[in-house]
């Protein structure tokens, strides 16, 4: 999946959504969705619906998914634009 889009002829980096990053982490893990469901307590149906973009997950489920996939969240803020620019 390409994370770059072209806008008015200029290349701009587009930030991936957190949900897209979680789906990628699921794909990159060596675990099946069945195994992830069993280890996290998230139903297979809920995990499948999340993975396919049809529903979200609760904070508890997201925490369990992060623990299962051994994820670390790194937070960065975009630099704010100054009023003069």
C-alpha atoms as a PDB file:
ATOM      1  CA  UNK A   1       0.000   0.000   0.000  1.00  0.00           C
ATOM      2  CA  UNK A   2       1.395   3.340  -1.035  1.00  0.00           C
ATOM      3  CA  UNK A   3       1.362   6.085   1.594  1.00  0.00           C
ATOM      4  CA  UNK A   4       2.087   8.902  -0.857  1.00  0.00           C
ATOM      5  CA  UNK A   5      -0.424  10.814  -2.941  1.00  0.00           C
ATOM      6  CA  UNK A   6       0.087  13.504  -5.537  1.00  0.00           C
ATOM      7  CA  UNK A   7      -1.812  16.739  -5.151  1.00  0.00           C
ATOM      8  CA  UNK A   8      -1.628  19.513  -7.769  1.00  0.00           C
ATOM      9  CA  UNK A   9       1.626  18.100  -9.104  1.00  0.00           C
ATOM     10  CA  UNK A  10       3.394  18.239  -5.737  1.00  0.00           C
ATOM     11  CA  UNK A  11       4.244  15.127  -3.737  1.00  0.00           C
ATOM     12  CA  UNK A  12       2.839  15.146  -0.220  1.00  0.00           C
ATOM     13  CA  UNK A  13       3.175  12.442   2.374  1.00  0.00           C
ATOM     14  CA  UNK A  14      -0.205  11.228   3.574  1.00  0.00           C
ATOM     15  CA  UNK A  15      -0.346   9.884   7.111  1.00  0.00           C
ATOM     16  CA  UNK A  16      -1.875   6.434   7.417  1.00  0.00           C
ATOM     17  CA  UNK A  17      -4.890   6.178   9.681  1.00  0.00           C
ATOM     18  CA  UNK A  18      -4.421   4.319  12.951  1.00  0.00           C
ATOM     19  CA  UNK A  19      -6.937   1.689  11.816  1.00  0.00           C
ATOM     20  CA  UNK A  20      -4.915   1.104   8.631  1.00  0.00           C
ATOM     21  CA  UNK A  21      -1.749   0.739  10.707  1.00  0.00           C
ATOM     22  CA  UNK A  22      -3.488  -1.806  12.979  1.00  0.00           C
ATOM     23  CA  UNK A  23      -4.665  -3.807   9.969  1.00  0.00           C
ATOM     24  CA  UNK A  24      -1.098  -3.778   8.652  1.00  0.00           C
ATOM     25  CA  UNK A  25       0.202  -4.978  12.040  1.00  0.00           C
ATOM     26  CA  UNK A  26      -2.309  -7.853  11.935  1.00  0.00           C
ATOM     27  CA  UNK A  27      -1.127  -8.745   8.424  1.00  0.00           C
ATOM     28  CA  UNK A  28       2.534  -8.498   9.435  1.00  0.00           C
ATOM     29  CA  UNK A  29       2.132 -10.696  12.508  1.00  0.00           C
ATOM     30  CA  UNK A  30       2.609 -14.427  12.199  1.00  0.00           C
ATOM     31  CA  UNK A  31      -0.718 -14.922  13.964  1.00  0.00           C
ATOM     32  CA  UNK A  32      -3.985 -15.961  12.368  1.00  0.00           C
ATOM     33  CA  UNK A  33      -7.042 -13.858  13.069  1.00  0.00           C
ATOM     34  CA  UNK A  34      -8.463 -16.890  14.896  1.00  0.00           C
ATOM     35  CA  UNK A  35      -5.434 -16.918  17.215  1.00  0.00           C
ATOM     36  CA  UNK A  36      -5.607 -13.145  17.729  1.00  0.00           C
ATOM     37  CA  UNK A  37      -9.289 -13.463  18.630  1.00  0.00           C
ATOM     38  CA  UNK A  38      -8.551 -16.215  21.159  1.00  0.00           C
ATOM     39  CA  UNK A  39      -5.623 -14.347  22.750  1.00  0.00           C
ATOM     40  CA  UNK A  40      -7.422 -10.997  22.977  1.00  0.00           C
ATOM     41  CA  UNK A  41     -10.934 -12.113  23.853  1.00  0.00           C
ATOM     42  CA  UNK A  42     -12.247 -10.199  20.827  1.00  0.00           C
ATOM     43  CA  UNK A  43     -14.821 -12.298  18.981  1.00  0.00           C
ATOM     44  CA  UNK A  44     -13.763 -13.500  15.550  1.00  0.00           C
ATOM     45  CA  UNK A  45     -16.779 -11.697  14.104  1.00  0.00           C
ATOM     46  CA  UNK A  46     -15.852  -8.368  15.719  1.00  0.00           C
ATOM     47  CA  UNK A  47     -12.216  -8.748  14.656  1.00  0.00           C
ATOM     48  CA  UNK A  48     -13.254  -9.564  11.091  1.00  0.00           C
ATOM     49  CA  UNK A  49     -15.655  -6.610  10.954  1.00  0.00           C
ATOM     50  CA  UNK A  50     -12.936  -4.290  12.279  1.00  0.00           C
ATOM     51  CA  UNK A  51     -10.378  -5.661   9.830  1.00  0.00           C
ATOM     52  CA  UNK A  52     -12.778  -5.128   6.916  1.00  0.00           C
ATOM     53  CA  UNK A  53     -13.632  -1.578   8.027  1.00  0.00           C
ATOM     54  CA  UNK A  54     -17.239  -2.287   8.998  1.00  0.00           C
ATOM     55  CA  UNK A  55     -16.933  -1.443  12.714  1.00  0.00           C
ATOM     56  CA  UNK A  56     -14.620  -0.085  15.345  1.00  0.00           C
ATOM     57  CA  UNK A  57     -13.256  -1.674  18.486  1.00  0.00           C
ATOM     58  CA  UNK A  58     -13.649  -0.599  22.098  1.00  0.00           C
ATOM     59  CA  UNK A  59     -10.684   0.853  23.953  1.00  0.00           C
ATOM     60  CA  UNK A  60     -10.355  -2.396  25.919  1.00  0.00           C
ATOM     61  CA  UNK A  61     -10.295  -4.391  22.678  1.00  0.00           C
ATOM     62  CA  UNK A  62      -7.735  -2.016  21.150  1.00  0.00           C
ATOM     63  CA  UNK A  63      -5.546  -2.365  24.254  1.00  0.00           C
ATOM     64  CA  UNK A  64      -5.817  -6.168  24.068  1.00  0.00           C
ATOM     65  CA  UNK A  65      -4.962  -6.100  20.361  1.00  0.00           C
ATOM     66  CA  UNK A  66      -1.924  -3.909  21.024  1.00  0.00           C
ATOM     67  CA  UNK A  67      -0.688  -6.229  23.770  1.00  0.00           C
ATOM     68  CA  UNK A  68      -1.244  -9.322  21.616  1.00  0.00           C
ATOM     69  CA  UNK A  69       0.633  -7.836  18.659  1.00  0.00           C
ATOM     70  CA  UNK A  70       3.301  -6.349  20.974  1.00  0.00           C
ATOM     71  CA  UNK A  71       2.754  -2.868  19.559  1.00  0.00           C
ATOM     72  CA  UNK A  72       4.277   0.354  20.819  1.00  0.00           C
ATOM     73  CA  UNK A  73       2.487   3.599  20.056  1.00  0.00           C
ATOM     74  CA  UNK A  74       4.665   6.572  19.115  1.00  0.00           C
ATOM     75  CA  UNK A  75       2.877   9.896  19.137  1.00  0.00           C
ATOM     76  CA  UNK A  76       3.963  12.867  17.080  1.00  0.00           C
ATOM     77  CA  UNK A  77       2.199  16.131  16.416  1.00  0.00           C
ATOM     78  CA  UNK A  78       2.281  17.927  13.127  1.00  0.00           C
ATOM     79  CA  UNK A  79       4.168  21.213  13.377  1.00  0.00           C
ATOM     80  CA  UNK A  80       1.679  24.047  13.655  1.00  0.00           C
ATOM     81  CA  UNK A  81       1.628  26.576  10.853  1.00  0.00           C
ATOM     82  CA  UNK A  82       2.571  30.064  11.907  1.00  0.00           C
ATOM     83  CA  UNK A  83       0.008  32.798  11.284  1.00  0.00           C
ATOM     84  CA  UNK A  84       2.374  34.709   9.024  1.00  0.00           C
ATOM     85  CA  UNK A  85       2.657  31.904   6.426  1.00  0.00           C
END
